[in-house]
Amino acid sequence: MKHLFILLILASFNTYGQVQRVIEGQSIIRDNIIANNEFNFFRDWNNTASFKSGIGESVILFPIVYSTPDSKVVLHGLQLNAFVKRQVASNVYVSTNISSFASAYAKDFFIRSIFIDKEDVKKMITYIERDIVPNLKTTYKKQSKEYVYKCKEMFMSFLIDEKQLRITMHLSDFGPLGDGNGGGDQIEFWTESQVETIPKFLASIKDAYSQMK
């Protein structure tokens, strides 16, 4: 019981010590998808950037071009597809049969997509170059530091917690059809095992941005 009490205290400190993950609004690309009845949507999978987690979740980003048939509106940006497990709410009862619960839960993945506008891609590149890459070897003793980047549909965090590094993405959940129905407030993806691959991730994003008109 004493150990459980200590764990609850630590969990409480961790929860209340976090930066608030607030995501507001929607991308210009999504605004136009909703506003126009006819449009063209080009996706390029020749150049992708991705992260994976130790539990099988993943995010993949690739260039997209949105345009109306008359070409009066042409928008460049990135699409991010997240393949994640459904997250259990704090009030959900978990069976005492842990192995049975874990087996069923492990199969419960879903996919969500967000869009990152061209100008926000540029800001994302600056954030990674300035705040993440130079600090991949940084460590602290009894301290932590978090670097944050936000756009209209995503909150991205790079956390240095003493010697532990973590990349976290909170994404707006617009539902399976992207129209806001059947979605939640947001979903979370994080990885510690692939933080070291951020230079490769950055190179792919920069290459994609260089081809945006």
N, C-alpha and C. Protein backbone atom coordinates (compact mmCIF):
# COMPACT_ATOMS: atom_id res chain seq x y z
N MET A 1 0.83 -1.20 0.00
CA MET A 1 0.00 0.00 0.00
C MET A 1 0.87 1.27 0.00
N LYS A 2 1.97 1.22 0.76
CA LYS A 2 2.88 2.36 0.81
C LYS A 2 3.47 2.66 -0.56
N HIS A 3 3.88 1.60 -1.27
CA HIS A 3 4.45 1.78 -2.61
C HIS A 3 3.42 2.35 -3.57
N LEU A 4 2.16 1.89 -3.46
CA LEU A 4 1.09 2.39 -4.32
C LEU A 4 0.86 3.87 -4.08
N PHE A 5 0.90 4.28 -2.79
CA PHE A 5 0.70 5.68 -2.43
C PHE A 5 1.78 6.56 -3.05
N ILE A 6 3.02 6.09 -3.01
CA ILE A 6 4.15 6.84 -3.59
C ILE A 6 3.99 6.97 -5.09
N LEU A 7 3.57 5.88 -5.74
CA LEU A 7 3.37 5.92 -7.19
C LEU A 7 2.28 6.91 -7.57
N LEU A 8 1.20 6.96 -6.78
CA LEU A 8 0.11 7.90 -7.06
C LEU A 8 0.59 9.34 -6.91
N ILE A 9 1.42 9.60 -5.92
CA ILE A 9 1.97 10.95 -5.72
C ILE A 9 2.83 11.34 -6.92
N LEU A 10 3.70 10.42 -7.35
CA LEU A 10 4.56 10.71 -8.49
C LEU A 10 3.76 10.94 -9.75
N ALA A 11 2.70 10.14 -9.94
CA ALA A 11 1.84 10.31 -11.11
C ALA A 11 1.16 11.67 -11.07
N SER A 12 0.76 12.09 -9.88
CA SER A 12 0.12 13.39 -9.73
C SER A 12 1.08 14.52 -10.07
N PHE A 13 2.32 14.43 -9.58
CA PHE A 13 3.33 15.44 -9.90
C PHE A 13 3.56 15.50 -11.40
N ASN A 14 3.63 14.34 -12.04
CA ASN A 14 3.89 14.29 -13.47
C ASN A 14 2.76 14.93 -14.26
N THR A 15 1.51 14.66 -13.84
CA THR A 15 0.35 15.21 -14.54
C THR A 15 0.31 16.72 -14.42
N TYR A 16 0.46 17.22 -13.20
CA TYR A 16 0.33 18.65 -12.98
C TYR A 16 1.59 19.42 -13.36
N GLY A 17 2.68 18.71 -13.61
CA GLY A 17 3.91 19.37 -14.00
C GLY A 17 4.04 19.54 -15.50
N GLN A 18 3.09 18.98 -16.24
CA GLN A 18 3.19 19.03 -17.70
C GLN A 18 2.74 20.37 -18.25
N VAL A 19 3.29 20.71 -19.43
CA VAL A 19 2.82 21.87 -20.17
C VAL A 19 1.44 21.54 -20.73
N GLN A 20 0.53 22.49 -20.69
CA GLN A 20 -0.82 22.24 -21.20
C GLN A 20 -0.81 22.02 -22.71
N ARG A 21 -1.37 20.90 -23.14
CA ARG A 21 -1.37 20.53 -24.56
C ARG A 21 -2.61 21.09 -25.25
N VAL A 22 -2.59 22.37 -25.55
CA VAL A 22 -3.75 23.03 -26.14
C VAL A 22 -3.56 23.14 -27.65
N ILE A 23 -4.54 22.64 -28.41
CA ILE A 23 -4.52 22.76 -29.86
C ILE A 23 -5.80 23.48 -30.27
N GLU A 24 -5.67 24.55 -31.03
CA GLU A 24 -6.84 25.33 -31.41
C GLU A 24 -6.91 25.54 -32.92
N GLY A 25 -8.12 25.47 -33.45
CA GLY A 25 -8.34 25.78 -34.86
C GLY A 25 -8.07 24.62 -35.79
N GLN A 26 -8.12 24.92 -37.07
CA GLN A 26 -7.84 23.91 -38.09
C GLN A 26 -7.07 24.56 -39.22
N SER A 27 -6.33 23.74 -39.96
CA SER A 27 -5.45 24.24 -41.01
C SER A 27 -6.23 24.91 -42.14
N ILE A 28 -5.52 25.75 -42.90
CA ILE A 28 -6.12 26.38 -44.08
C ILE A 28 -6.51 25.31 -45.09
N ILE A 29 -5.70 24.25 -45.17
CA ILE A 29 -6.01 23.15 -46.08
C ILE A 29 -7.35 22.52 -45.72
N ARG A 30 -7.56 22.25 -44.44
CA ARG A 30 -8.83 21.65 -44.01
C ARG A 30 -9.99 22.62 -44.22
N ASP A 31 -9.76 23.91 -43.96
CA ASP A 31 -10.80 24.91 -44.21
C ASP A 31 -11.30 24.84 -45.65
N ASN A 32 -10.36 24.70 -46.59
CA ASN A 32 -10.73 24.67 -48.01
C ASN A 32 -11.37 23.34 -48.41
N ILE A 33 -10.95 22.25 -47.79
CA ILE A 33 -11.59 20.96 -48.05
C ILE A 33 -13.07 21.04 -47.67
N ILE A 34 -13.35 21.68 -46.55
CA ILE A 34 -14.73 21.81 -46.08
C ILE A 34 -15.52 22.80 -46.92
N ALA A 35 -14.87 23.91 -47.33
CA ALA A 35 -15.58 24.99 -48.00
C ALA A 35 -15.93 24.70 -49.46
N ASN A 36 -15.10 23.89 -50.15
CA ASN A 36 -15.29 23.69 -51.59
C ASN A 36 -15.87 22.31 -51.91
N ASN A 37 -16.82 22.28 -52.82
CA ASN A 37 -17.45 21.02 -53.20
C ASN A 37 -16.62 20.23 -54.21
N GLU A 38 -15.73 20.91 -54.94
CA GLU A 38 -14.89 20.24 -55.91
C GLU A 38 -13.44 20.66 -55.70
N PHE A 39 -12.56 19.68 -55.66
CA PHE A 39 -11.13 19.98 -55.52
C PHE A 39 -10.32 18.76 -55.90
N ASN A 40 -9.02 18.99 -56.10
CA ASN A 40 -8.08 17.93 -56.41
C ASN A 40 -7.10 17.80 -55.24
N PHE A 41 -6.68 16.56 -54.96
CA PHE A 41 -5.81 16.33 -53.82
C PHE A 41 -4.68 15.40 -54.25
N PHE A 42 -3.47 15.93 -54.28
CA PHE A 42 -2.30 15.16 -54.72
C PHE A 42 -1.44 14.79 -53.52
N ARG A 43 -1.14 13.50 -53.39
CA ARG A 43 -0.27 13.03 -52.31
C ARG A 43 0.99 12.43 -52.91
N ASP A 44 2.14 12.74 -52.31
CA ASP A 44 3.43 12.26 -52.82
C ASP A 44 4.10 11.39 -51.76
N TRP A 45 4.19 10.07 -52.03
CA TRP A 45 4.80 9.16 -51.08
C TRP A 45 6.26 8.84 -51.42
N ASN A 46 6.84 9.61 -52.34
CA ASN A 46 8.25 9.41 -52.68
C ASN A 46 9.18 9.91 -51.59
N ASN A 47 8.68 10.86 -50.80
CA ASN A 47 9.50 11.43 -49.73
C ASN A 47 8.68 11.48 -48.46
N THR A 48 8.92 10.56 -47.54
CA THR A 48 8.15 10.52 -46.31
C THR A 48 9.08 10.66 -45.10
N ALA A 49 8.52 11.19 -44.03
CA ALA A 49 9.22 11.28 -42.75
C ALA A 49 8.37 10.52 -41.74
N SER A 50 9.00 9.76 -40.86
CA SER A 50 8.19 8.93 -39.96
C SER A 50 8.88 8.71 -38.62
N PHE A 51 8.07 8.38 -37.62
CA PHE A 51 8.51 7.93 -36.32
C PHE A 51 7.71 6.68 -35.95
N LYS A 52 8.32 5.79 -35.19
CA LYS A 52 7.62 4.64 -34.63
C LYS A 52 7.85 4.61 -33.13
N SER A 53 6.93 3.98 -32.42
CA SER A 53 7.08 3.82 -30.98
C SER A 53 7.33 2.36 -30.64
N GLY A 54 7.69 2.13 -29.39
CA GLY A 54 7.98 0.77 -28.97
C GLY A 54 6.75 -0.11 -28.87
N ILE A 55 5.55 0.46 -28.90
CA ILE A 55 4.32 -0.33 -28.79
C ILE A 55 3.63 -0.49 -30.14
N GLY A 56 4.34 -0.13 -31.22
CA GLY A 56 3.79 -0.36 -32.56
C GLY A 56 3.05 0.80 -33.17
N GLU A 57 2.97 1.93 -32.47
CA GLU A 57 2.33 3.10 -33.05
C GLU A 57 3.29 3.79 -34.01
N SER A 58 2.75 4.61 -34.92
CA SER A 58 3.62 5.30 -35.87
C SER A 58 2.94 6.57 -36.38
N VAL A 59 3.77 7.51 -36.83
CA VAL A 59 3.29 8.67 -37.57
C VAL A 59 4.11 8.77 -38.85
N ILE A 60 3.46 9.16 -39.93
CA ILE A 60 4.15 9.33 -41.20
C ILE A 60 3.67 10.63 -41.84
N LEU A 61 4.62 11.43 -42.32
CA LEU A 61 4.31 12.71 -42.96
C LEU A 61 4.75 12.66 -44.42
N PHE A 62 3.94 13.26 -45.29
CA PHE A 62 4.28 13.30 -46.71
C PHE A 62 3.67 14.55 -47.34
N PRO A 63 4.27 15.03 -48.45
CA PRO A 63 3.80 16.26 -49.09
C PRO A 63 2.44 16.06 -49.76
N ILE A 64 1.64 17.11 -49.72
CA ILE A 64 0.35 17.11 -50.42
C ILE A 64 0.15 18.46 -51.13
N VAL A 65 -0.67 18.44 -52.17
CA VAL A 65 -1.06 19.67 -52.86
C VAL A 65 -2.58 19.65 -53.02
N TYR A 66 -3.22 20.65 -52.47
CA TYR A 66 -4.67 20.83 -52.62
C TYR A 66 -4.91 21.90 -53.68
N SER A 67 -5.84 21.66 -54.58
CA SER A 67 -6.15 22.67 -55.60
C SER A 67 -7.61 22.55 -56.02
N THR A 68 -8.19 23.67 -56.41
CA THR A 68 -9.53 23.67 -56.99
C THR A 68 -9.39 23.45 -58.51
N PRO A 69 -10.42 22.93 -59.18
CA PRO A 69 -10.32 22.64 -60.61
C PRO A 69 -9.91 23.84 -61.46
N ASP A 70 -10.29 25.04 -61.05
CA ASP A 70 -9.93 26.23 -61.82
C ASP A 70 -8.56 26.77 -61.42
N SER A 71 -7.89 26.10 -60.49
CA SER A 71 -6.54 26.48 -60.00
C SER A 71 -6.50 27.84 -59.32
N LYS A 72 -7.67 28.37 -58.94
CA LYS A 72 -7.68 29.64 -58.23
C LYS A 72 -7.13 29.47 -56.81
N VAL A 73 -7.27 28.26 -56.28
CA VAL A 73 -6.72 27.95 -54.96
C VAL A 73 -5.76 26.78 -55.10
N VAL A 74 -4.50 27.00 -54.74
CA VAL A 74 -3.49 25.94 -54.75
C VAL A 74 -2.74 26.03 -53.42
N LEU A 75 -2.81 24.98 -52.63
CA LEU A 75 -2.20 24.98 -51.30
C LEU A 75 -1.23 23.81 -51.15
N HIS A 76 -0.02 24.11 -50.69
CA HIS A 76 0.98 23.07 -50.43
C HIS A 76 1.12 22.87 -48.94
N GLY A 77 1.44 21.66 -48.54
CA GLY A 77 1.63 21.38 -47.13
C GLY A 77 2.01 19.93 -46.90
N LEU A 78 1.82 19.48 -45.67
CA LEU A 78 2.10 18.10 -45.31
C LEU A 78 0.83 17.45 -44.75
N GLN A 79 0.67 16.19 -45.02
CA GLN A 79 -0.35 15.39 -44.35
C GLN A 79 0.37 14.48 -43.36
N LEU A 80 -0.16 14.39 -42.14
CA LEU A 80 0.38 13.50 -41.14
C LEU A 80 -0.65 12.44 -40.83
N ASN A 81 -0.29 11.17 -41.04
CA ASN A 81 -1.15 10.05 -40.67
C ASN A 81 -0.62 9.42 -39.40
N ALA A 82 -1.47 9.29 -38.40
CA ALA A 82 -1.10 8.67 -37.14
C ALA A 82 -1.81 7.33 -37.00
N PHE A 83 -1.04 6.30 -36.70
CA PHE A 83 -1.55 4.95 -36.48
C PHE A 83 -1.32 4.64 -35.02
N VAL A 84 -2.36 4.77 -34.21
CA VAL A 84 -2.19 4.70 -32.76
C VAL A 84 -3.21 3.78 -32.10
N LYS A 85 -2.92 3.43 -30.85
CA LYS A 85 -3.85 2.63 -30.07
C LYS A 85 -4.87 3.54 -29.41
N ARG A 86 -6.06 3.02 -29.24
CA ARG A 86 -7.08 3.78 -28.53
C ARG A 86 -6.66 3.95 -27.08
N GLN A 87 -6.83 5.17 -26.58
CA GLN A 87 -6.40 5.47 -25.23
C GLN A 87 -7.54 5.28 -24.25
N VAL A 88 -7.25 4.62 -23.14
CA VAL A 88 -8.27 4.32 -22.14
C VAL A 88 -8.47 5.53 -21.24
N ALA A 89 -9.70 5.97 -21.12
CA ALA A 89 -10.00 7.10 -20.23
C ALA A 89 -9.79 6.70 -18.78
N SER A 90 -9.56 7.69 -17.92
CA SER A 90 -9.24 7.42 -16.53
C SER A 90 -10.39 6.74 -15.78
N ASN A 91 -11.62 6.90 -16.29
CA ASN A 91 -12.77 6.32 -15.60
C ASN A 91 -13.19 4.97 -16.19
N VAL A 92 -12.39 4.42 -17.10
CA VAL A 92 -12.70 3.12 -17.67
C VAL A 92 -12.23 2.01 -16.74
N TYR A 93 -13.11 1.07 -16.45
CA TYR A 93 -12.75 -0.05 -15.57
C TYR A 93 -11.89 -1.04 -16.33
N VAL A 94 -10.76 -1.44 -15.76
CA VAL A 94 -9.85 -2.40 -16.36
C VAL A 94 -9.97 -3.72 -15.63
N SER A 95 -10.19 -4.78 -16.37
CA SER A 95 -10.32 -6.11 -15.78
C SER A 95 -9.06 -6.49 -15.02
N THR A 96 -9.24 -7.29 -13.97
CA THR A 96 -8.09 -7.77 -13.22
C THR A 96 -7.33 -8.83 -14.00
N ASN A 97 -7.94 -9.32 -15.08
CA ASN A 97 -7.25 -10.28 -15.95
C ASN A 97 -6.40 -9.48 -16.93
N ILE A 98 -5.23 -9.08 -16.47
CA ILE A 98 -4.38 -8.16 -17.23
C ILE A 98 -3.97 -8.72 -18.58
N SER A 99 -3.61 -9.99 -18.62
CA SER A 99 -3.15 -10.57 -19.88
C SER A 99 -4.24 -10.57 -20.93
N SER A 100 -5.48 -10.83 -20.51
CA SER A 100 -6.61 -10.82 -21.44
C SER A 100 -6.88 -9.42 -21.95
N PHE A 101 -6.84 -8.45 -21.03
CA PHE A 101 -7.08 -7.06 -21.40
C PHE A 101 -6.01 -6.56 -22.36
N ALA A 102 -4.73 -6.86 -22.06
CA ALA A 102 -3.62 -6.39 -22.89
C ALA A 102 -3.71 -6.97 -24.29
N SER A 103 -4.12 -8.24 -24.39
CA SER A 103 -4.22 -8.89 -25.69
C SER A 103 -5.27 -8.23 -26.56
N ALA A 104 -6.42 -7.92 -25.96
CA ALA A 104 -7.50 -7.28 -26.72
C ALA A 104 -7.14 -5.84 -27.08
N TYR A 105 -6.52 -5.14 -26.13
CA TYR A 105 -6.18 -3.73 -26.32
C TYR A 105 -5.12 -3.55 -27.40
N ALA A 106 -4.18 -4.49 -27.49
CA ALA A 106 -3.08 -4.38 -28.44
C ALA A 106 -3.57 -4.39 -29.88
N LYS A 107 -4.74 -4.97 -30.12
CA LYS A 107 -5.27 -5.06 -31.48
C LYS A 107 -6.09 -3.82 -31.87
N ASP A 108 -6.32 -2.95 -30.92
CA ASP A 108 -7.26 -1.86 -31.13
C ASP A 108 -6.54 -0.59 -31.62
N PHE A 109 -6.15 -0.58 -32.88
CA PHE A 109 -5.50 0.58 -33.48
C PHE A 109 -6.49 1.36 -34.34
N PHE A 110 -6.23 2.63 -34.54
CA PHE A 110 -7.02 3.42 -35.48
C PHE A 110 -6.12 4.46 -36.14
N ILE A 111 -6.59 5.01 -37.24
CA ILE A 111 -5.81 5.97 -38.03
C ILE A 111 -6.51 7.33 -38.03
N ARG A 112 -5.74 8.38 -37.83
CA ARG A 112 -6.23 9.74 -37.93
C ARG A 112 -5.26 10.57 -38.78
N SER A 113 -5.77 11.59 -39.44
CA SER A 113 -4.93 12.44 -40.29
C SER A 113 -5.10 13.91 -39.90
N ILE A 114 -3.99 14.64 -39.96
CA ILE A 114 -4.04 16.09 -39.82
C ILE A 114 -3.27 16.71 -40.98
N PHE A 115 -3.43 18.02 -41.17
CA PHE A 115 -2.73 18.74 -42.22
C PHE A 115 -1.90 19.86 -41.62
N ILE A 116 -0.71 20.07 -42.18
CA ILE A 116 0.19 21.13 -41.74
C ILE A 116 0.42 22.07 -42.92
N ASP A 117 -0.01 23.32 -42.80
CA ASP A 117 0.12 24.29 -43.88
C ASP A 117 1.58 24.61 -44.17
N LYS A 118 1.85 25.08 -45.38
CA LYS A 118 3.22 25.36 -45.82
C LYS A 118 3.97 26.26 -44.85
N GLU A 119 3.36 27.35 -44.41
CA GLU A 119 4.04 28.27 -43.50
C GLU A 119 4.36 27.60 -42.17
N ASP A 120 3.50 26.69 -41.74
CA ASP A 120 3.76 25.98 -40.49
C ASP A 120 4.83 24.91 -40.67
N VAL A 121 4.97 24.37 -41.87
CA VAL A 121 6.06 23.43 -42.15
C VAL A 121 7.39 24.16 -41.98
N LYS A 122 7.46 25.38 -42.50
CA LYS A 122 8.68 26.18 -42.36
C LYS A 122 9.02 26.42 -40.90
N LYS A 123 8.02 26.74 -40.08
CA LYS A 123 8.24 26.98 -38.66
C LYS A 123 8.65 25.70 -37.94
N MET A 124 8.09 24.58 -38.38
CA MET A 124 8.44 23.29 -37.80
C MET A 124 9.91 22.95 -38.06
N ILE A 125 10.38 23.24 -39.27
CA ILE A 125 11.79 23.02 -39.62
C ILE A 125 12.70 23.86 -38.72
N THR A 126 12.35 25.14 -38.55
CA THR A 126 13.13 26.03 -37.69
C THR A 126 13.18 25.50 -36.26
N TYR A 127 12.04 25.05 -35.76
CA TYR A 127 11.95 24.50 -34.40
C TYR A 127 12.87 23.29 -34.22
N ILE A 128 12.84 22.37 -35.18
CA ILE A 128 13.67 21.16 -35.06
C ILE A 128 15.15 21.51 -35.16
N GLU A 129 15.50 22.40 -36.10
CA GLU A 129 16.90 22.79 -36.28
C GLU A 129 17.43 23.55 -35.07
N ARG A 130 16.61 24.41 -34.50
CA ARG A 130 17.06 25.30 -33.41
C ARG A 130 17.02 24.63 -32.04
N ASP A 131 15.94 23.87 -31.78
CA ASP A 131 15.69 23.38 -30.42
C ASP A 131 15.99 21.90 -30.19
N ILE A 132 15.83 21.07 -31.23
CA ILE A 132 15.99 19.64 -31.02
C ILE A 132 17.38 19.14 -31.39
N VAL A 133 17.78 19.37 -32.64
CA VAL A 133 19.05 18.81 -33.12
C VAL A 133 20.23 19.20 -32.24
N PRO A 134 20.39 20.48 -31.84
CA PRO A 134 21.55 20.82 -31.01
C PRO A 134 21.51 20.22 -29.60
N ASN A 135 20.34 19.69 -29.19
CA ASN A 135 20.20 19.20 -27.82
C ASN A 135 20.04 17.69 -27.72
N LEU A 136 20.38 16.97 -28.78
CA LEU A 136 20.23 15.51 -28.77
C LEU A 136 21.19 14.84 -27.80
N LYS A 137 22.24 15.54 -27.40
CA LYS A 137 23.20 14.99 -26.43
C LYS A 137 23.11 15.69 -25.07
N THR A 138 22.16 16.59 -24.95
CA THR A 138 22.03 17.36 -23.71
C THR A 138 21.42 16.50 -22.60
N THR A 139 21.96 16.60 -21.41
CA THR A 139 21.40 15.92 -20.25
C THR A 139 21.36 16.89 -19.06
N TYR A 140 20.52 16.58 -18.07
CA TYR A 140 20.42 17.40 -16.87
C TYR A 140 20.50 16.49 -15.64
N LYS A 141 20.81 17.07 -14.51
CA LYS A 141 20.80 16.36 -13.25
C LYS A 141 19.70 16.96 -12.38
N LYS A 142 18.69 16.14 -12.10
CA LYS A 142 17.53 16.57 -11.31
C LYS A 142 16.85 17.79 -11.92
N GLN A 143 16.85 17.85 -13.25
CA GLN A 143 16.17 18.94 -13.97
C GLN A 143 15.59 18.40 -15.27
N SER A 144 14.70 19.17 -15.85
CA SER A 144 14.16 18.83 -17.16
C SER A 144 13.91 20.10 -17.95
N LYS A 145 13.84 19.96 -19.24
CA LYS A 145 13.51 21.10 -20.11
C LYS A 145 12.70 20.59 -21.28
N GLU A 146 11.67 21.34 -21.64
CA GLU A 146 10.78 20.94 -22.72
C GLU A 146 10.72 22.04 -23.79
N TYR A 147 10.88 21.63 -25.05
CA TYR A 147 10.82 22.55 -26.18
C TYR A 147 9.53 22.24 -26.95
N VAL A 148 8.73 23.27 -27.23
CA VAL A 148 7.40 23.07 -27.78
C VAL A 148 7.22 23.80 -29.11
N TYR A 149 6.52 23.12 -30.02
CA TYR A 149 6.09 23.73 -31.29
C TYR A 149 4.61 23.42 -31.47
N LYS A 150 3.82 24.45 -31.85
CA LYS A 150 2.40 24.24 -32.08
C LYS A 150 2.00 24.79 -33.44
N CYS A 151 1.13 24.07 -34.13
CA CYS A 151 0.42 24.63 -35.27
C CYS A 151 -1.06 24.36 -35.02
N LYS A 152 -1.92 24.63 -35.99
CA LYS A 152 -3.35 24.61 -35.72
C LYS A 152 -3.91 23.21 -35.42
N GLU A 153 -3.23 22.17 -35.87
CA GLU A 153 -3.77 20.82 -35.66
C GLU A 153 -2.81 19.90 -34.90
N MET A 154 -1.68 20.47 -34.42
CA MET A 154 -0.69 19.62 -33.75
C MET A 154 0.07 20.38 -32.67
N PHE A 155 0.38 19.67 -31.60
CA PHE A 155 1.28 20.14 -30.54
C PHE A 155 2.45 19.16 -30.52
N MET A 156 3.67 19.64 -30.73
CA MET A 156 4.85 18.77 -30.75
C MET A 156 5.79 19.20 -29.63
N SER A 157 6.32 18.21 -28.91
CA SER A 157 7.17 18.49 -27.76
C SER A 157 8.44 17.65 -27.81
N PHE A 158 9.55 18.27 -27.45
CA PHE A 158 10.81 17.57 -27.25
C PHE A 158 11.19 17.76 -25.79
N LEU A 159 11.19 16.67 -25.04
CA LEU A 159 11.44 16.73 -23.60
C LEU A 159 12.78 16.09 -23.25
N ILE A 160 13.59 16.84 -22.49
CA ILE A 160 14.80 16.30 -21.88
C ILE A 160 14.53 16.21 -20.39
N ASP A 161 14.38 15.01 -19.89
CA ASP A 161 14.10 14.78 -18.47
C ASP A 161 15.30 14.05 -17.88
N GLU A 162 16.22 14.84 -17.31
CA GLU A 162 17.53 14.34 -16.87
C GLU A 162 18.26 13.72 -18.08
N LYS A 163 18.35 12.38 -18.16
CA LYS A 163 19.05 11.75 -19.28
C LYS A 163 18.08 11.11 -20.29
N GLN A 164 16.81 11.30 -20.06
CA GLN A 164 15.80 10.69 -20.92
C GLN A 164 15.26 11.70 -21.93
N LEU A 165 15.20 11.30 -23.21
CA LEU A 165 14.70 12.17 -24.27
C LEU A 165 13.39 11.60 -24.82
N ARG A 166 12.45 12.48 -25.12
CA ARG A 166 11.16 12.02 -25.65
C ARG A 166 10.60 13.00 -26.66
N ILE A 167 10.09 12.49 -27.78
CA ILE A 167 9.33 13.26 -28.76
C ILE A 167 7.86 12.92 -28.55
N THR A 168 7.01 13.92 -28.38
CA THR A 168 5.57 13.71 -28.21
C THR A 168 4.81 14.56 -29.21
N MET A 169 3.77 13.98 -29.79
CA MET A 169 2.87 14.72 -30.67
C MET A 169 1.44 14.55 -30.18
N HIS A 170 0.76 15.65 -29.93
CA HIS A 170 -0.67 15.63 -29.67
C HIS A 170 -1.36 16.18 -30.91
N LEU A 171 -2.32 15.43 -31.42
CA LEU A 171 -2.97 15.76 -32.69
C LEU A 171 -4.47 15.98 -32.50
N SER A 172 -5.01 16.97 -33.18
CA SER A 172 -6.46 17.16 -33.16
C SER A 172 -7.12 15.93 -33.77
N ASP A 173 -8.21 15.47 -33.15
CA ASP A 173 -8.91 14.29 -33.64
C ASP A 173 -10.19 14.74 -34.35
N PHE A 174 -10.14 14.79 -35.68
CA PHE A 174 -11.30 15.20 -36.46
C PHE A 174 -12.17 14.02 -36.87
N GLY A 175 -11.93 12.86 -36.29
CA GLY A 175 -12.74 11.69 -36.58
C GLY A 175 -12.25 10.93 -37.80
N PRO A 176 -12.82 9.74 -38.05
CA PRO A 176 -12.35 8.89 -39.16
C PRO A 176 -12.53 9.49 -40.54
N LEU A 177 -13.52 10.40 -40.71
CA LEU A 177 -13.76 11.02 -42.02
C LEU A 177 -13.18 12.43 -42.11
N GLY A 178 -12.59 12.91 -41.03
CA GLY A 178 -11.99 14.24 -41.04
C GLY A 178 -12.97 15.39 -40.95
N ASP A 179 -14.24 15.07 -40.62
CA ASP A 179 -15.27 16.11 -40.57
C ASP A 179 -15.66 16.49 -39.14
N GLY A 180 -14.94 15.94 -38.17
CA GLY A 180 -15.24 16.27 -36.78
C GLY A 180 -16.19 15.31 -36.10
N ASN A 181 -16.84 14.44 -36.87
CA ASN A 181 -17.77 13.47 -36.29
C ASN A 181 -17.05 12.19 -35.89
N GLY A 182 -17.36 11.69 -34.71
CA GLY A 182 -16.76 10.44 -34.25
C GLY A 182 -15.34 10.59 -33.73
N GLY A 183 -14.91 11.82 -33.53
CA GLY A 183 -13.57 12.05 -33.03
C GLY A 183 -13.57 12.42 -31.56
N GLY A 184 -12.40 12.70 -31.03
CA GLY A 184 -12.27 13.15 -29.65
C GLY A 184 -11.58 14.50 -29.62
N ASP A 185 -11.10 14.89 -28.46
CA ASP A 185 -10.40 16.17 -28.35
C ASP A 185 -9.05 16.11 -29.06
N GLN A 186 -8.27 15.08 -28.75
CA GLN A 186 -6.96 14.91 -29.38
C GLN A 186 -6.44 13.51 -29.11
N ILE A 187 -5.44 13.13 -29.84
CA ILE A 187 -4.78 11.84 -29.63
C ILE A 187 -3.29 12.10 -29.40
N GLU A 188 -2.64 11.11 -28.82
CA GLU A 188 -1.23 11.29 -28.45
C GLU A 188 -0.36 10.21 -29.07
N PHE A 189 0.80 10.64 -29.58
CA PHE A 189 1.85 9.71 -30.02
C PHE A 189 3.14 10.16 -29.35
N TRP A 190 3.94 9.20 -28.87
CA TRP A 190 5.25 9.56 -28.31
C TRP A 190 6.24 8.43 -28.54
N THR A 191 7.51 8.82 -28.59
CA THR A 191 8.58 7.84 -28.75
C THR A 191 9.83 8.32 -28.02
N GLU A 192 10.53 7.39 -27.44
CA GLU A 192 11.84 7.64 -26.85
C GLU A 192 12.92 6.91 -27.64
N SER A 193 12.54 5.77 -28.21
CA SER A 193 13.52 4.92 -28.89
C SER A 193 14.02 5.50 -30.20
N GLN A 194 13.23 6.41 -30.82
CA GLN A 194 13.62 6.91 -32.13
C GLN A 194 13.96 8.40 -32.14
N VAL A 195 14.21 8.97 -30.98
CA VAL A 195 14.59 10.38 -30.93
C VAL A 195 15.87 10.62 -31.72
N GLU A 196 16.78 9.66 -31.70
CA GLU A 196 18.06 9.82 -32.40
C GLU A 196 17.90 9.89 -33.91
N THR A 197 16.73 9.51 -34.44
CA THR A 197 16.51 9.56 -35.90
C THR A 197 16.00 10.93 -36.36
N ILE A 198 15.92 11.90 -35.45
CA ILE A 198 15.37 13.21 -35.80
C ILE A 198 16.13 13.90 -36.94
N PRO A 199 17.47 13.76 -37.07
CA PRO A 199 18.13 14.39 -38.23
C PRO A 199 17.62 13.86 -39.57
N LYS A 200 17.36 12.56 -39.64
CA LYS A 200 16.80 11.96 -40.86
C LYS A 200 15.39 12.47 -41.09
N PHE A 201 14.61 12.56 -40.03
CA PHE A 201 13.25 13.09 -40.09
C PHE A 201 13.28 14.52 -40.61
N LEU A 202 14.19 15.34 -40.08
CA LEU A 202 14.33 16.74 -40.50
C LEU A 202 14.71 16.84 -41.97
N ALA A 203 15.63 16.01 -42.42
CA ALA A 203 16.07 16.05 -43.81
C ALA A 203 14.91 15.79 -44.76
N SER A 204 14.05 14.85 -44.41
CA SER A 204 12.89 14.54 -45.25
C SER A 204 11.91 15.71 -45.29
N ILE A 205 11.67 16.35 -44.14
CA ILE A 205 10.76 17.49 -44.08
C ILE A 205 11.32 18.66 -44.89
N LYS A 206 12.62 18.91 -44.78
CA LYS A 206 13.25 20.01 -45.53
C LYS A 206 13.18 19.76 -47.03
N ASP A 207 13.39 18.53 -47.44
CA ASP A 207 13.32 18.20 -48.86
C ASP A 207 11.92 18.42 -49.39
N ALA A 208 10.92 18.00 -48.59
CA ALA A 208 9.53 18.19 -49.00
C ALA A 208 9.20 19.68 -49.11
N TYR A 209 9.68 20.48 -48.13
CA TYR A 209 9.39 21.91 -48.15
C TYR A 209 10.05 22.61 -49.33
N SER A 210 11.26 22.16 -49.71
CA SER A 210 11.99 22.78 -50.83
C SER A 210 11.24 22.65 -52.15
N GLN A 211 10.34 21.68 -52.24
CA GLN A 211 9.60 21.45 -53.46
C GLN A 211 8.21 22.09 -53.46
N MET A 212 7.88 22.73 -52.35
CA MET A 212 6.58 23.42 -52.27
C MET A 212 6.67 24.78 -52.95
N LYS A 213 5.70 25.10 -53.77
CA LYS A 213 5.72 26.38 -54.52
C LYS A 213 4.96 27.44 -53.77
